[in-house]
């Protein structure tokens, strides 16, 4: 198995969602990180099927956050 990359990243969740994740982590006696990682593994194929911003708008800009002229 490849080495584990333990980079830290800040993620921001709505308060109620974070509370639910924390409750589930406590129920399973797991960390918040573990619960979020498992959720990503389960949901990633579904999330990858969502259209990209440029797919929906037809916008050709490389960065959708750029302001329009």
N, C-alpha and C. Protein backbone atom coordinates (compact mmCIF):
# COMPACT_ATOMS: atom_id res chain seq x y z
N UNK A 1 0.84 -1.18 0.00
CA UNK A 1 0.00 0.00 0.00
C UNK A 1 0.89 1.24 0.00
N UNK A 2 0.48 2.27 -0.73
CA UNK A 2 1.25 3.52 -0.82
C UNK A 2 1.27 4.20 0.55
N UNK A 3 2.31 5.02 0.76
CA UNK A 3 2.41 5.75 2.01
C UNK A 3 1.24 6.70 2.18
N UNK A 4 0.90 6.99 3.41
CA UNK A 4 -0.23 7.86 3.69
C UNK A 4 0.23 9.31 3.69
N UNK A 5 -0.43 10.14 2.92
CA UNK A 5 -0.15 11.57 2.88
C UNK A 5 -0.97 12.22 3.99
N UNK A 6 -0.33 12.81 4.96
CA UNK A 6 -1.04 13.36 6.10
C UNK A 6 -1.05 14.89 6.09
N UNK A 7 -1.20 15.46 4.88
CA UNK A 7 -1.31 16.91 4.80
C UNK A 7 -2.57 17.36 5.53
N UNK A 8 -2.49 18.53 6.14
CA UNK A 8 -3.66 19.09 6.81
C UNK A 8 -4.36 20.06 5.88
N UNK A 9 -5.67 20.06 5.96
CA UNK A 9 -6.48 20.95 5.13
C UNK A 9 -7.67 21.40 5.96
N UNK A 10 -7.97 22.67 5.90
CA UNK A 10 -9.15 23.18 6.59
C UNK A 10 -10.36 23.02 5.69
N UNK A 11 -11.41 22.49 6.25
CA UNK A 11 -12.68 22.36 5.54
C UNK A 11 -13.75 23.07 6.38
N UNK A 12 -14.68 23.69 5.72
CA UNK A 12 -15.72 24.43 6.42
C UNK A 12 -17.07 23.80 6.12
N UNK A 13 -17.80 23.47 7.18
CA UNK A 13 -19.11 22.85 7.06
C UNK A 13 -20.13 23.73 7.77
N UNK A 14 -21.37 23.72 7.28
CA UNK A 14 -22.43 24.40 8.04
C UNK A 14 -22.51 23.78 9.44
N UNK A 15 -22.86 24.59 10.40
CA UNK A 15 -22.86 24.16 11.80
C UNK A 15 -23.67 22.89 12.03
N UNK A 16 -24.87 22.82 11.46
CA UNK A 16 -25.72 21.64 11.68
C UNK A 16 -25.10 20.38 11.06
N UNK A 17 -24.50 20.52 9.88
CA UNK A 17 -23.87 19.38 9.23
C UNK A 17 -22.68 18.88 10.07
N UNK A 18 -21.89 19.82 10.55
CA UNK A 18 -20.75 19.45 11.39
C UNK A 18 -21.21 18.73 12.66
N UNK A 19 -22.31 19.21 13.23
CA UNK A 19 -22.86 18.57 14.43
C UNK A 19 -23.27 17.13 14.12
N UNK A 20 -23.93 16.92 12.97
CA UNK A 20 -24.35 15.57 12.58
C UNK A 20 -23.14 14.65 12.36
N UNK A 21 -22.12 15.17 11.71
CA UNK A 21 -20.91 14.37 11.46
C UNK A 21 -20.25 14.02 12.79
N UNK A 22 -20.18 14.99 13.70
CA UNK A 22 -19.58 14.74 15.02
C UNK A 22 -20.37 13.68 15.78
N UNK A 23 -21.70 13.77 15.73
CA UNK A 23 -22.52 12.77 16.42
C UNK A 23 -22.29 11.38 15.86
N UNK A 24 -22.17 11.28 14.53
CA UNK A 24 -21.91 9.98 13.92
C UNK A 24 -20.52 9.47 14.27
N UNK A 25 -19.55 10.37 14.29
CA UNK A 25 -18.20 9.97 14.68
C UNK A 25 -18.19 9.45 16.12
N UNK A 26 -18.91 10.14 16.99
CA UNK A 26 -18.99 9.69 18.39
C UNK A 26 -19.69 8.33 18.48
N UNK A 27 -20.77 8.17 17.72
CA UNK A 27 -21.51 6.90 17.74
C UNK A 27 -20.63 5.74 17.32
N UNK A 28 -19.80 5.98 16.31
CA UNK A 28 -18.93 4.92 15.79
C UNK A 28 -17.57 4.88 16.49
N UNK A 29 -17.36 5.77 17.44
CA UNK A 29 -16.07 5.89 18.12
C UNK A 29 -14.94 6.06 17.10
N UNK A 30 -15.17 6.98 16.16
CA UNK A 30 -14.21 7.29 15.10
C UNK A 30 -13.95 8.79 15.10
N UNK A 31 -12.95 9.20 14.34
CA UNK A 31 -12.65 10.63 14.22
C UNK A 31 -13.52 11.27 13.16
N UNK A 32 -13.64 12.60 13.24
CA UNK A 32 -14.34 13.35 12.20
C UNK A 32 -13.69 13.07 10.84
N UNK A 33 -12.38 13.08 10.83
CA UNK A 33 -11.64 12.85 9.59
C UNK A 33 -12.00 11.50 8.98
N UNK A 34 -12.07 10.47 9.79
CA UNK A 34 -12.39 9.13 9.29
C UNK A 34 -13.78 9.11 8.66
N UNK A 35 -14.76 9.74 9.35
CA UNK A 35 -16.12 9.75 8.84
C UNK A 35 -16.18 10.48 7.50
N UNK A 36 -15.53 11.64 7.40
CA UNK A 36 -15.55 12.40 6.14
C UNK A 36 -14.85 11.62 5.04
N UNK A 37 -13.74 10.96 5.35
CA UNK A 37 -13.04 10.15 4.34
C UNK A 37 -13.91 9.01 3.84
N UNK A 38 -14.63 8.35 4.73
CA UNK A 38 -15.50 7.26 4.31
C UNK A 38 -16.65 7.80 3.47
N UNK A 39 -17.20 8.94 3.85
CA UNK A 39 -18.29 9.55 3.08
C UNK A 39 -17.81 9.87 1.66
N UNK A 40 -16.59 10.40 1.54
CA UNK A 40 -16.05 10.71 0.21
C UNK A 40 -15.90 9.44 -0.61
N UNK A 41 -15.38 8.37 -0.01
CA UNK A 41 -15.19 7.12 -0.75
C UNK A 41 -16.52 6.58 -1.27
N UNK A 42 -17.57 6.74 -0.47
CA UNK A 42 -18.89 6.25 -0.87
C UNK A 42 -19.50 7.16 -1.94
N UNK A 43 -19.31 8.47 -1.82
CA UNK A 43 -20.02 9.43 -2.68
C UNK A 43 -19.24 9.87 -3.91
N UNK A 44 -17.96 9.56 -4.01
CA UNK A 44 -17.14 10.18 -5.07
C UNK A 44 -17.62 9.88 -6.49
N UNK A 45 -18.05 8.66 -6.78
CA UNK A 45 -18.53 8.36 -8.14
C UNK A 45 -19.77 9.19 -8.47
N UNK A 46 -20.66 9.34 -7.51
CA UNK A 46 -21.86 10.16 -7.74
C UNK A 46 -21.47 11.62 -7.95
N UNK A 47 -20.57 12.13 -7.14
CA UNK A 47 -20.15 13.53 -7.25
C UNK A 47 -19.44 13.77 -8.57
N UNK A 48 -18.61 12.81 -9.00
CA UNK A 48 -17.91 12.95 -10.28
C UNK A 48 -18.86 12.96 -11.46
N UNK A 49 -20.07 12.45 -11.29
CA UNK A 49 -21.04 12.45 -12.38
C UNK A 49 -21.74 13.80 -12.53
N UNK A 50 -21.60 14.71 -11.57
CA UNK A 50 -22.19 16.03 -11.67
C UNK A 50 -21.49 16.80 -12.78
N UNK A 51 -22.23 17.61 -13.54
CA UNK A 51 -21.57 18.40 -14.59
C UNK A 51 -20.68 19.48 -13.98
N UNK A 52 -19.62 19.79 -14.68
CA UNK A 52 -18.74 20.88 -14.26
C UNK A 52 -19.42 22.20 -14.57
N UNK A 53 -18.98 23.27 -13.93
CA UNK A 53 -19.58 24.58 -14.16
C UNK A 53 -19.56 24.93 -15.64
N UNK A 54 -18.45 24.70 -16.31
CA UNK A 54 -18.36 25.02 -17.73
C UNK A 54 -19.26 24.14 -18.58
N UNK A 55 -19.57 22.93 -18.12
CA UNK A 55 -20.48 22.05 -18.85
C UNK A 55 -21.90 22.60 -18.82
N UNK A 56 -22.26 23.23 -17.73
CA UNK A 56 -23.62 23.76 -17.57
C UNK A 56 -23.77 25.09 -18.29
N UNK A 57 -22.78 25.96 -18.16
CA UNK A 57 -22.91 27.31 -18.70
C UNK A 57 -22.39 27.42 -20.13
N UNK A 58 -21.56 26.48 -20.55
CA UNK A 58 -20.95 26.57 -21.86
C UNK A 58 -19.85 27.62 -21.89
N UNK A 59 -19.46 28.12 -20.73
CA UNK A 59 -18.46 29.16 -20.60
C UNK A 59 -17.08 28.58 -20.87
N UNK A 60 -16.29 29.24 -21.69
CA UNK A 60 -14.97 28.73 -22.07
C UNK A 60 -13.84 29.28 -21.21
N UNK A 61 -14.13 30.12 -20.24
CA UNK A 61 -13.07 30.67 -19.40
C UNK A 61 -12.39 29.55 -18.63
N UNK A 62 -11.11 29.70 -18.34
CA UNK A 62 -10.38 28.66 -17.61
C UNK A 62 -10.71 28.69 -16.12
N UNK A 63 -11.05 29.85 -15.58
CA UNK A 63 -11.38 29.97 -14.18
C UNK A 63 -12.78 30.57 -14.06
N UNK A 64 -13.77 29.78 -13.65
CA UNK A 64 -15.13 30.29 -13.61
C UNK A 64 -15.33 31.42 -12.61
N UNK A 65 -14.34 31.67 -11.74
CA UNK A 65 -14.47 32.76 -10.76
C UNK A 65 -14.08 34.11 -11.35
N UNK A 66 -13.49 34.10 -12.55
CA UNK A 66 -13.08 35.36 -13.18
C UNK A 66 -14.30 36.20 -13.46
N UNK A 67 -14.15 37.51 -13.33
CA UNK A 67 -15.26 38.41 -13.63
C UNK A 67 -15.41 38.55 -15.12
N UNK A 68 -16.65 38.70 -15.55
CA UNK A 68 -16.91 38.94 -16.97
C UNK A 68 -16.57 40.39 -17.29
N UNK A 69 -16.03 40.64 -18.50
CA UNK A 69 -15.69 42.02 -18.87
C UNK A 69 -16.92 42.89 -19.02
